[in-house]
Amino acid sequence: MSEITDVQSQIAHTVQLLRNKLGVRDKTLTASVKKAKRQLPRRIYKQALLLANAEQMAAHPKLRLVLDTPKLVKASEEVQAHLNGINLADRRWGWFLSFLGSLALGFLALSVLALIVLRWRGFI
């Protein structure tokens, strides 16, 4: 019985990590994983889906006996290790730099277009 509660606590901890690290605000792991699909690597996503399927089975008293607990614990540890490795400050900094880069590219393209039009019209 302690293995089942361990899996359930691992699932709850994974949901909490998804909320904190990726900003996914769903109550169940299944819904959280579906919303975080694009933010997770494929291997981690598949492990999280394995946990999500087990979440539904763990709620049922008879079905929880057929769960592959060691496999679920390994999947949970792998997903949690990935989520713990996410640095929120680095993500925000990367977003900010990406925004500045796209802004600079837009300004550069606009400047080149303005120079071409001025040259074409004979002002330069």
N, C-alpha and C. Protein backbone atom coordinates (compact mmCIF):
# COMPACT_ATOMS: atom_id res chain seq x y z
N MET A 1 0.81 -1.19 0.00
CA MET A 1 0.00 0.00 0.00
C MET A 1 0.86 1.26 0.00
N SER A 2 2.05 1.19 0.61
CA SER A 2 2.91 2.36 0.66
C SER A 2 3.45 2.70 -0.72
N GLU A 3 3.60 1.68 -1.60
CA GLU A 3 4.06 1.94 -2.95
C GLU A 3 3.05 2.77 -3.72
N ILE A 4 1.77 2.48 -3.50
CA ILE A 4 0.72 3.21 -4.20
C ILE A 4 0.68 4.66 -3.73
N THR A 5 0.75 4.87 -2.44
CA THR A 5 0.73 6.24 -1.94
C THR A 5 2.00 6.97 -2.38
N ASP A 6 3.10 6.22 -2.52
CA ASP A 6 4.33 6.84 -3.01
C ASP A 6 4.14 7.31 -4.44
N VAL A 7 3.51 6.49 -5.28
CA VAL A 7 3.26 6.88 -6.67
C VAL A 7 2.30 8.06 -6.71
N GLN A 8 1.29 8.03 -5.86
CA GLN A 8 0.33 9.14 -5.83
C GLN A 8 1.01 10.43 -5.36
N SER A 9 1.90 10.34 -4.40
CA SER A 9 2.60 11.54 -3.94
C SER A 9 3.58 12.03 -5.01
N GLN A 10 4.20 11.10 -5.76
CA GLN A 10 5.08 11.49 -6.86
C GLN A 10 4.28 12.22 -7.95
N ILE A 11 3.08 11.74 -8.22
CA ILE A 11 2.23 12.39 -9.22
C ILE A 11 1.83 13.78 -8.75
N ALA A 12 1.47 13.91 -7.48
CA ALA A 12 1.10 15.21 -6.94
C ALA A 12 2.29 16.18 -6.99
N HIS A 13 3.47 15.68 -6.69
CA HIS A 13 4.67 16.52 -6.74
C HIS A 13 4.98 16.94 -8.17
N THR A 14 4.75 16.06 -9.12
CA THR A 14 4.98 16.38 -10.54
C THR A 14 4.01 17.46 -11.00
N VAL A 15 2.75 17.37 -10.57
CA VAL A 15 1.77 18.41 -10.92
C VAL A 15 2.21 19.75 -10.34
N GLN A 16 2.70 19.74 -9.11
CA GLN A 16 3.16 20.98 -8.48
C GLN A 16 4.35 21.58 -9.23
N LEU A 17 5.27 20.73 -9.65
CA LEU A 17 6.42 21.21 -10.42
C LEU A 17 5.99 21.79 -11.76
N LEU A 18 5.02 21.17 -12.42
CA LEU A 18 4.52 21.70 -13.68
C LEU A 18 3.90 23.08 -13.47
N ARG A 19 3.23 23.25 -12.36
CA ARG A 19 2.65 24.57 -12.05
C ARG A 19 3.74 25.60 -11.82
N ASN A 20 4.74 25.25 -11.02
CA ASN A 20 5.77 26.22 -10.65
C ASN A 20 6.71 26.55 -11.81
N LYS A 21 7.13 25.54 -12.56
CA LYS A 21 8.15 25.75 -13.56
C LYS A 21 7.61 26.14 -14.93
N LEU A 22 6.46 25.60 -15.32
CA LEU A 22 5.93 25.86 -16.65
C LEU A 22 4.66 26.72 -16.64
N GLY A 23 4.12 26.98 -15.47
CA GLY A 23 2.94 27.83 -15.37
C GLY A 23 1.64 27.16 -15.81
N VAL A 24 1.60 25.84 -15.80
CA VAL A 24 0.40 25.11 -16.18
C VAL A 24 -0.52 25.04 -14.97
N ARG A 25 -1.75 25.50 -15.12
CA ARG A 25 -2.67 25.61 -13.98
C ARG A 25 -3.84 24.64 -14.08
N ASP A 26 -3.57 23.36 -14.09
CA ASP A 26 -4.63 22.35 -14.10
C ASP A 26 -4.52 21.48 -12.85
N LYS A 27 -5.63 20.87 -12.49
CA LYS A 27 -5.66 20.08 -11.26
C LYS A 27 -5.11 18.67 -11.46
N THR A 28 -5.32 18.11 -12.64
CA THR A 28 -4.86 16.74 -12.88
C THR A 28 -3.59 16.74 -13.70
N LEU A 29 -2.86 15.68 -13.59
CA LEU A 29 -1.61 15.54 -14.35
C LEU A 29 -1.91 15.39 -15.84
N THR A 30 -2.99 14.72 -16.18
CA THR A 30 -3.34 14.51 -17.59
C THR A 30 -3.54 15.85 -18.30
N ALA A 31 -4.32 16.72 -17.71
CA ALA A 31 -4.59 18.03 -18.32
C ALA A 31 -3.33 18.89 -18.32
N SER A 32 -2.55 18.81 -17.25
CA SER A 32 -1.32 19.61 -17.17
C SER A 32 -0.32 19.19 -18.24
N VAL A 33 -0.18 17.89 -18.45
CA VAL A 33 0.78 17.39 -19.43
C VAL A 33 0.33 17.75 -20.84
N LYS A 34 -0.96 17.70 -21.11
CA LYS A 34 -1.45 18.06 -22.45
C LYS A 34 -1.19 19.53 -22.75
N LYS A 35 -1.31 20.39 -21.73
CA LYS A 35 -1.05 21.81 -21.96
C LYS A 35 0.44 22.11 -22.07
N ALA A 36 1.26 21.31 -21.42
CA ALA A 36 2.71 21.55 -21.42
C ALA A 36 3.43 20.77 -22.50
N LYS A 37 2.71 20.17 -23.43
CA LYS A 37 3.30 19.28 -24.43
C LYS A 37 4.42 19.95 -25.23
N ARG A 38 4.22 21.16 -25.68
CA ARG A 38 5.22 21.83 -26.51
C ARG A 38 6.42 22.30 -25.72
N GLN A 39 6.29 22.41 -24.42
CA GLN A 39 7.39 22.88 -23.60
C GLN A 39 8.26 21.75 -23.08
N LEU A 40 7.83 20.52 -23.28
CA LEU A 40 8.57 19.35 -22.79
C LEU A 40 9.24 18.61 -23.94
N PRO A 41 10.44 18.08 -23.71
CA PRO A 41 11.04 17.19 -24.73
C PRO A 41 10.19 15.94 -24.90
N ARG A 42 10.30 15.32 -26.05
CA ARG A 42 9.45 14.17 -26.38
C ARG A 42 9.58 13.03 -25.36
N ARG A 43 10.81 12.73 -24.96
CA ARG A 43 11.04 11.63 -24.02
C ARG A 43 10.39 11.93 -22.67
N ILE A 44 10.54 13.16 -22.21
CA ILE A 44 9.94 13.55 -20.93
C ILE A 44 8.43 13.58 -21.05
N TYR A 45 7.92 14.02 -22.19
CA TYR A 45 6.48 14.05 -22.41
C TYR A 45 5.89 12.64 -22.35
N LYS A 46 6.58 11.68 -22.96
CA LYS A 46 6.08 10.30 -22.94
C LYS A 46 6.09 9.73 -21.52
N GLN A 47 7.13 10.06 -20.74
CA GLN A 47 7.17 9.60 -19.36
C GLN A 47 6.04 10.25 -18.54
N ALA A 48 5.78 11.52 -18.81
CA ALA A 48 4.70 12.22 -18.10
C ALA A 48 3.34 11.64 -18.49
N LEU A 49 3.18 11.25 -19.75
CA LEU A 49 1.92 10.61 -20.16
C LEU A 49 1.74 9.26 -19.48
N LEU A 50 2.84 8.54 -19.30
CA LEU A 50 2.78 7.27 -18.58
C LEU A 50 2.28 7.51 -17.15
N LEU A 51 2.79 8.55 -16.51
CA LEU A 51 2.33 8.90 -15.17
C LEU A 51 0.87 9.35 -15.18
N ALA A 52 0.48 10.09 -16.21
CA ALA A 52 -0.89 10.58 -16.30
C ALA A 52 -1.88 9.42 -16.43
N ASN A 53 -1.52 8.41 -17.21
CA ASN A 53 -2.39 7.24 -17.33
C ASN A 53 -2.46 6.49 -16.01
N ALA A 54 -1.37 6.46 -15.29
CA ALA A 54 -1.36 5.78 -13.99
C ALA A 54 -2.15 6.56 -12.95
N GLU A 55 -2.24 7.87 -13.12
CA GLU A 55 -3.00 8.68 -12.17
C GLU A 55 -4.46 8.26 -12.17
N GLN A 56 -5.00 8.01 -13.35
CA GLN A 56 -6.39 7.59 -13.44
C GLN A 56 -6.60 6.20 -12.84
N MET A 57 -5.63 5.33 -13.05
CA MET A 57 -5.75 3.97 -12.52
C MET A 57 -5.53 3.93 -11.01
N ALA A 58 -4.69 4.80 -10.49
CA ALA A 58 -4.39 4.81 -9.06
C ALA A 58 -5.58 5.25 -8.24
N ALA A 59 -6.52 5.95 -8.85
CA ALA A 59 -7.71 6.40 -8.13
C ALA A 59 -8.69 5.25 -7.91
N HIS A 60 -8.57 4.20 -8.70
CA HIS A 60 -9.48 3.06 -8.58
C HIS A 60 -8.85 2.00 -7.68
N PRO A 61 -9.56 1.52 -6.65
CA PRO A 61 -8.96 0.60 -5.68
C PRO A 61 -8.48 -0.73 -6.25
N LYS A 62 -9.18 -1.27 -7.23
CA LYS A 62 -8.77 -2.56 -7.78
C LYS A 62 -7.74 -2.42 -8.90
N LEU A 63 -7.86 -1.35 -9.67
CA LEU A 63 -6.93 -1.16 -10.78
C LEU A 63 -5.54 -0.75 -10.30
N ARG A 64 -5.47 -0.14 -9.14
CA ARG A 64 -4.16 0.30 -8.65
C ARG A 64 -3.24 -0.87 -8.33
N LEU A 65 -3.81 -2.06 -8.18
CA LEU A 65 -2.99 -3.23 -7.89
C LEU A 65 -2.20 -3.71 -9.11
N VAL A 66 -2.62 -3.33 -10.31
CA VAL A 66 -1.94 -3.79 -11.52
C VAL A 66 -0.92 -2.78 -12.05
N LEU A 67 -0.71 -1.70 -11.32
CA LEU A 67 0.26 -0.69 -11.76
C LEU A 67 1.69 -1.22 -11.66
N ASP A 68 2.51 -0.86 -12.62
CA ASP A 68 3.93 -1.21 -12.62
C ASP A 68 4.67 -0.12 -11.83
N THR A 69 4.71 -0.29 -10.52
CA THR A 69 5.22 0.75 -9.63
C THR A 69 6.68 1.13 -9.88
N PRO A 70 7.61 0.19 -10.05
CA PRO A 70 9.00 0.62 -10.30
C PRO A 70 9.15 1.44 -11.59
N LYS A 71 8.41 1.08 -12.61
CA LYS A 71 8.47 1.82 -13.86
C LYS A 71 7.90 3.24 -13.68
N LEU A 72 6.83 3.33 -12.89
CA LEU A 72 6.21 4.64 -12.64
C LEU A 72 7.11 5.52 -11.78
N VAL A 73 7.77 4.93 -10.81
CA VAL A 73 8.68 5.71 -9.96
C VAL A 73 9.85 6.23 -10.79
N LYS A 74 10.37 5.39 -11.68
CA LYS A 74 11.47 5.82 -12.55
C LYS A 74 11.02 6.95 -13.48
N ALA A 75 9.82 6.81 -14.05
CA ALA A 75 9.30 7.85 -14.93
C ALA A 75 9.09 9.15 -14.16
N SER A 76 8.58 9.04 -12.96
CA SER A 76 8.36 10.22 -12.13
C SER A 76 9.66 10.92 -11.79
N GLU A 77 10.69 10.14 -11.44
CA GLU A 77 11.99 10.73 -11.12
C GLU A 77 12.59 11.43 -12.34
N GLU A 78 12.40 10.84 -13.52
CA GLU A 78 12.95 11.43 -14.74
C GLU A 78 12.25 12.76 -15.07
N VAL A 79 10.93 12.78 -14.97
CA VAL A 79 10.17 14.00 -15.24
C VAL A 79 10.52 15.08 -14.22
N GLN A 80 10.59 14.69 -12.95
CA GLN A 80 10.89 15.67 -11.91
C GLN A 80 12.31 16.20 -12.03
N ALA A 81 13.24 15.35 -12.45
CA ALA A 81 14.62 15.82 -12.64
C ALA A 81 14.67 16.86 -13.76
N HIS A 82 13.93 16.62 -14.83
CA HIS A 82 13.90 17.60 -15.91
C HIS A 82 13.27 18.92 -15.45
N LEU A 83 12.15 18.82 -14.74
CA LEU A 83 11.47 20.04 -14.29
C LEU A 83 12.29 20.79 -13.26
N ASN A 84 13.00 20.08 -12.40
CA ASN A 84 13.86 20.76 -11.43
C ASN A 84 15.04 21.46 -12.09
N GLY A 85 15.43 20.98 -13.26
CA GLY A 85 16.56 21.57 -13.97
C GLY A 85 16.22 22.85 -14.71
N ILE A 86 14.93 23.20 -14.77
CA ILE A 86 14.53 24.41 -15.47
C ILE A 86 14.82 25.62 -14.59
N ASN A 87 15.56 26.58 -15.16
CA ASN A 87 15.90 27.80 -14.46
C ASN A 87 14.97 28.91 -14.96
N LEU A 88 14.09 29.39 -14.09
CA LEU A 88 13.10 30.38 -14.51
C LEU A 88 13.74 31.71 -14.90
N ALA A 89 14.76 32.12 -14.16
CA ALA A 89 15.42 33.40 -14.47
C ALA A 89 16.10 33.33 -15.85
N ASP A 90 16.71 32.19 -16.15
CA ASP A 90 17.35 32.02 -17.45
C ASP A 90 16.31 32.01 -18.57
N ARG A 91 15.15 31.43 -18.33
CA ARG A 91 14.08 31.42 -19.32
C ARG A 91 13.58 32.83 -19.60
N ARG A 92 13.39 33.61 -18.54
CA ARG A 92 12.92 34.99 -18.72
C ARG A 92 13.97 35.82 -19.46
N TRP A 93 15.23 35.63 -19.11
CA TRP A 93 16.31 36.36 -19.78
C TRP A 93 16.37 35.98 -21.26
N GLY A 94 16.21 34.71 -21.56
CA GLY A 94 16.19 34.25 -22.94
C GLY A 94 15.04 34.85 -23.72
N TRP A 95 13.86 34.93 -23.10
CA TRP A 95 12.71 35.54 -23.76
C TRP A 95 12.98 37.01 -24.04
N PHE A 96 13.56 37.71 -23.07
CA PHE A 96 13.86 39.14 -23.22
C PHE A 96 14.86 39.37 -24.35
N LEU A 97 15.91 38.56 -24.39
CA LEU A 97 16.91 38.69 -25.45
C LEU A 97 16.32 38.36 -26.83
N SER A 98 15.45 37.39 -26.87
CA SER A 98 14.78 37.04 -28.12
C SER A 98 13.90 38.20 -28.60
N PHE A 99 13.20 38.82 -27.66
CA PHE A 99 12.37 39.98 -27.99
C PHE A 99 13.22 41.12 -28.53
N LEU A 100 14.35 41.39 -27.87
CA LEU A 100 15.24 42.46 -28.34
C LEU A 100 15.81 42.15 -29.72
N GLY A 101 16.16 40.90 -29.95
CA GLY A 101 16.68 40.49 -31.25
C GLY A 101 15.67 40.68 -32.36
N SER A 102 14.43 40.29 -32.11
CA SER A 102 13.40 40.46 -33.14
C SER A 102 13.10 41.94 -33.37
N LEU A 103 13.16 42.73 -32.31
CA LEU A 103 12.97 44.17 -32.45
C LEU A 103 14.09 44.79 -33.29
N ALA A 104 15.33 44.39 -33.03
CA ALA A 104 16.46 44.90 -33.80
C ALA A 104 16.37 44.47 -35.25
N LEU A 105 15.96 43.23 -35.51
CA LEU A 105 15.82 42.76 -36.89
C LEU A 105 14.74 43.55 -37.62
N GLY A 106 13.65 43.83 -36.96
CA GLY A 106 12.58 44.64 -37.56
C GLY A 106 13.06 46.04 -37.88
N PHE A 107 13.81 46.64 -36.96
CA PHE A 107 14.34 47.97 -37.19
C PHE A 107 15.33 47.98 -38.35
N LEU A 108 16.16 46.96 -38.42
CA LEU A 108 17.12 46.86 -39.51
C LEU A 108 16.41 46.70 -40.86
N ALA A 109 15.39 45.87 -40.92
CA ALA A 109 14.65 45.67 -42.16
C ALA A 109 13.94 46.96 -42.58
N LEU A 110 13.36 47.67 -41.62
CA LEU A 110 12.70 48.93 -41.92
C LEU A 110 13.69 49.97 -42.43
N SER A 111 14.88 50.02 -41.84
CA SER A 111 15.91 50.97 -42.28
C SER A 111 16.37 50.66 -43.70
N VAL A 112 16.59 49.40 -44.01
CA VAL A 112 17.02 49.01 -45.36
C VAL A 112 15.92 49.35 -46.36
N LEU A 113 14.67 49.08 -46.02
CA LEU A 113 13.56 49.39 -46.90
C LEU A 113 13.46 50.90 -47.13
N ALA A 114 13.64 51.70 -46.07
CA ALA A 114 13.60 53.15 -46.21
C ALA A 114 14.73 53.64 -47.11
N LEU A 115 15.94 53.08 -46.94
CA LEU A 115 17.06 53.48 -47.80
C LEU A 115 16.81 53.12 -49.27
N ILE A 116 16.23 51.97 -49.51
CA ILE A 116 15.93 51.55 -50.88
C ILE A 116 14.90 52.49 -51.51
N VAL A 117 13.87 52.84 -50.76
CA VAL A 117 12.84 53.74 -51.29
C VAL A 117 13.43 55.13 -51.54
N LEU A 118 14.25 55.63 -50.60
CA LEU A 118 14.86 56.95 -50.80
C LEU A 118 15.80 56.96 -52.00
N ARG A 119 16.54 55.89 -52.20
CA ARG A 119 17.44 55.78 -53.35
C ARG A 119 16.65 55.72 -54.65
N TRP A 120 15.56 54.97 -54.62
CA TRP A 120 14.73 54.79 -55.81
C TRP A 120 14.06 56.11 -56.21
N ARG A 121 13.63 56.89 -55.19
CA ARG A 121 12.95 58.15 -55.46
C ARG A 121 13.93 59.28 -55.79
N GLY A 122 15.22 59.05 -55.60
CA GLY A 122 16.23 60.03 -55.98
C GLY A 122 16.63 61.01 -54.90
N PHE A 123 16.28 60.73 -53.66
CA PHE A 123 16.65 61.62 -52.56
C PHE A 123 18.06 61.35 -52.06
N ILE A 124 18.61 60.20 -52.40
CA ILE A 124 19.97 59.88 -51.94
C ILE A 124 20.88 59.75 -53.14
